[in-house]
Protein backbone atom coordinates (compact mmCIF):
# COMPACT_ATOMS: atom_id res chain seq x y z
CA UNK A 1 73.19 173.16 109.25
CA UNK A 2 71.94 175.91 110.91
CA UNK A 3 68.50 174.81 114.16
CA UNK A 4 64.97 174.55 112.92
CA UNK A 5 62.95 177.56 113.23
CA UNK A 6 59.31 176.80 114.42
CA UNK A 7 56.80 179.10 114.13
CA UNK A 8 53.25 179.52 116.77
CA UNK A 9 50.96 176.51 115.75
CA UNK A 10 53.00 174.51 113.88
CA UNK A 11 53.93 170.84 114.73
CA UNK A 12 57.08 169.70 115.82
CA UNK A 13 57.33 165.93 113.69
CA UNK A 14 59.16 163.04 115.52
CA UNK A 15 62.36 163.44 113.74
CA UNK A 16 63.14 167.06 114.87
CA UNK A 17 62.04 165.94 118.41
CA UNK A 18 63.97 163.16 118.79
CA UNK A 19 66.92 164.96 116.31
CA UNK A 20 67.38 168.49 118.61
CA UNK A 21 65.79 168.09 121.53
CA UNK A 22 66.79 164.66 122.79
CA UNK A 23 70.60 163.61 123.88
CA UNK A 24 72.18 160.81 122.78
CA UNK A 25 73.85 159.39 125.25
CA UNK A 26 75.93 155.98 125.44
CA UNK A 27 76.26 154.51 129.22
CA UNK A 28 78.20 151.34 129.57
CA UNK A 29 76.55 148.72 131.63
CA UNK A 30 79.90 146.87 132.37
CA UNK A 31 83.06 146.74 132.51
CA UNK A 32 85.31 146.22 130.03
CA UNK A 33 89.01 145.01 130.46
CA UNK A 34 91.72 145.02 128.19
CA UNK A 35 95.02 142.53 128.56
CA UNK A 36 98.33 142.15 127.83
CA UNK A 37 97.74 144.91 124.65
CA UNK A 38 98.44 148.63 122.89
CA UNK A 39 96.40 147.91 120.13
CA UNK A 40 93.52 149.74 120.05
CA UNK A 41 89.76 147.94 120.21
CA UNK A 42 86.47 149.08 120.05
CA UNK A 43 84.81 150.49 123.12
CA UNK A 44 81.83 148.12 123.15
CA UNK A 45 79.40 150.80 124.49
CA UNK A 46 80.66 153.84 123.65
CA UNK A 47 79.69 154.34 120.13
CA UNK A 48 76.98 157.10 118.90
CA UNK A 49 75.47 156.97 114.85
CA UNK A 50 75.78 160.85 113.58
CA UNK A 51 73.65 162.74 110.88
CA UNK A 52 75.53 163.87 107.47
CA UNK A 53 75.87 167.91 107.72
CA UNK A 54 75.28 168.66 111.44
CA UNK A 55 76.94 169.30 114.66
CA UNK A 56 76.54 168.19 117.64
CA UNK A 57 78.09 169.70 121.59
CA UNK A 58 80.36 166.80 122.94
CA UNK A 59 81.04 164.77 126.69
CA UNK A 60 82.56 161.87 127.73
CA UNK A 61 83.62 160.61 131.55
CA UNK A 62 85.80 157.46 131.09
CA UNK A 63 86.12 155.94 134.70
CA UNK A 64 89.04 153.76 134.48
CA UNK A 65 91.82 151.57 136.43
CA UNK A 66 94.92 149.21 135.30
CA UNK A 67 97.87 148.32 136.56
CA UNK A 68 100.57 150.85 138.79
CA UNK A 69 101.10 153.88 136.84
CA UNK A 70 103.73 153.14 134.26
CA UNK A 71 102.85 149.67 134.37
CA UNK A 72 99.29 149.30 131.99
CA UNK A 73 97.92 153.38 131.67
CA UNK A 74 95.37 154.12 129.25
CA UNK A 75 95.45 155.44 125.48
CA UNK A 76 92.23 156.14 123.70
CA UNK A 77 91.15 157.76 120.30
CA UNK A 78 87.83 158.69 118.69
CA UNK A 79 87.06 157.55 114.82
CA UNK A 80 84.99 159.49 112.78
CA UNK A 81 83.11 159.86 109.72
CA UNK A 82 84.96 161.02 106.77
CA UNK A 83 85.29 164.34 106.95
CA UNK A 84 83.95 165.13 110.24
CA UNK A 85 86.09 167.26 112.77
CA UNK A 86 85.67 166.26 116.64
CA UNK A 87 87.64 169.03 118.81
CA UNK A 88 88.19 168.79 122.68
CA UNK A 89 89.51 169.52 126.17
CA UNK A 90 90.34 166.69 128.48
CA UNK A 91 90.79 166.64 131.86
CA UNK A 92 93.12 163.44 133.53
CA UNK A 93 96.51 162.22 135.28
CA UNK A 94 99.39 162.28 132.64
CA UNK A 95 101.04 158.94 132.67
CA UNK A 96 103.40 159.96 135.42
CA UNK A 97 100.03 160.83 137.65
CA UNK A 98 100.43 164.70 137.72
CA UNK A 99 96.96 166.44 136.72
CA UNK A 100 96.34 167.74 132.67
CA UNK A 101 93.84 170.29 131.42
CA UNK A 102 94.49 170.05 127.69
CA UNK A 103 92.44 172.26 125.24
CA UNK A 104 93.48 171.20 121.97
CA UNK A 105 92.50 167.24 121.18
CA UNK A 106 91.07 166.59 117.60
CA UNK A 107 89.31 163.19 117.12
CA UNK A 108 92.11 161.44 115.54
CA UNK A 109 95.05 162.20 118.33
CA UNK A 110 95.68 159.27 120.88
CA UNK A 111 96.08 160.45 124.31
CA UNK A 112 97.72 158.41 127.14
CA UNK A 113 96.51 158.87 130.71
CA UNK A 114 97.82 157.06 134.14
CA UNK A 115 96.66 154.34 135.96
CA UNK A 116 97.36 153.39 139.51
CA UNK A 117 96.37 150.22 140.53
CA UNK A 118 93.66 148.13 140.47
CA UNK A 119 91.97 149.71 143.10
CA UNK A 120 91.99 152.87 142.62
CA UNK A 121 89.33 154.02 139.48
CA UNK A 122 90.40 157.48 137.75
CA UNK A 123 88.51 160.23 135.51
CA UNK A 124 89.05 161.12 132.38
CA UNK A 125 86.50 164.75 131.30
CA UNK A 126 85.93 165.63 128.12
CA UNK A 127 84.08 168.34 126.59
CA UNK A 128 84.12 169.80 122.75
CA UNK A 129 82.33 169.94 119.82
CA UNK A 130 82.01 167.53 116.58
CA UNK A 131 81.17 168.80 112.68
CA UNK A 132 80.14 166.31 109.88
CA UNK A 133 80.27 166.27 106.45
CA UNK A 134 78.38 165.18 103.73
CA UNK A 135 78.70 161.35 104.87
CA UNK A 136 76.88 160.48 108.10
CA UNK A 137 78.52 157.12 110.36
CA UNK A 138 79.27 156.59 113.63
CA UNK A 139 81.56 158.53 116.33
CA UNK A 140 83.59 155.31 118.10
CA UNK A 141 85.76 155.51 121.21
CA UNK A 142 89.15 153.16 121.01
CA UNK A 143 90.87 152.43 123.41
CA UNK A 144 93.66 150.05 125.38
CA UNK A 145 96.65 149.49 127.32
CA UNK A 146 99.38 152.35 126.63
CA UNK A 147 102.13 149.97 127.90
CA UNK A 148 102.00 146.32 127.16
CA UNK A 149 100.64 144.98 130.92
CA UNK A 150 99.39 141.58 132.35
CA UNK A 151 97.27 143.42 134.29
CA UNK A 152 93.90 144.74 133.34
CA UNK A 153 93.25 148.13 132.27
CA UNK A 154 89.62 148.50 131.87
CA UNK A 155 87.04 151.34 131.02
CA UNK A 156 84.27 150.91 134.39
CA UNK A 157 80.78 150.54 134.34
CA UNK A 158 78.97 154.11 134.22
CA UNK A 159 81.22 155.68 132.02
CA UNK A 160 79.35 158.10 129.45
CA UNK A 161 79.59 159.47 126.49
CA UNK A 162 76.79 162.30 125.03
CA UNK A 163 76.28 164.34 122.22
CA UNK A 164 73.86 166.89 121.22
CA UNK A 165 72.54 168.44 118.36
CA UNK A 166 73.66 171.52 118.37
CA UNK A 167 73.18 172.38 113.74
């Protein structure tokens, strides 16, 4: 879908203003933890409603911590409506704690990042695009421990997911 074209003197309706001119942020207001589980769970804050036949710019920053390297780590993925495509690149530490820059993930990829002790907050940054088909639904972050551990893995306060309508 292409962006609307406006003419001089035209009054913009609320739907266009809300859908095209305002980003759709989902900001984590408090920490969420997973302990002793590799089963992906829905993130309690990172959920954004999507319109059908739309294109979005996608940005996500996750602040996280967990056990020592290899002892818990973090894995994540996204769910999208049927027929939608999410493509993104990510910068993060591998489970071996070496810097990674990946350039082509799709939303259904399960990606793992290393943790480095409960006192060390790390960050994952992601940027890309999302296109929906004729189905509405939600973009939902899911995550878990990569290796089950009694030391909690935490996605922290201030982590943010932002979509901006571009088409």
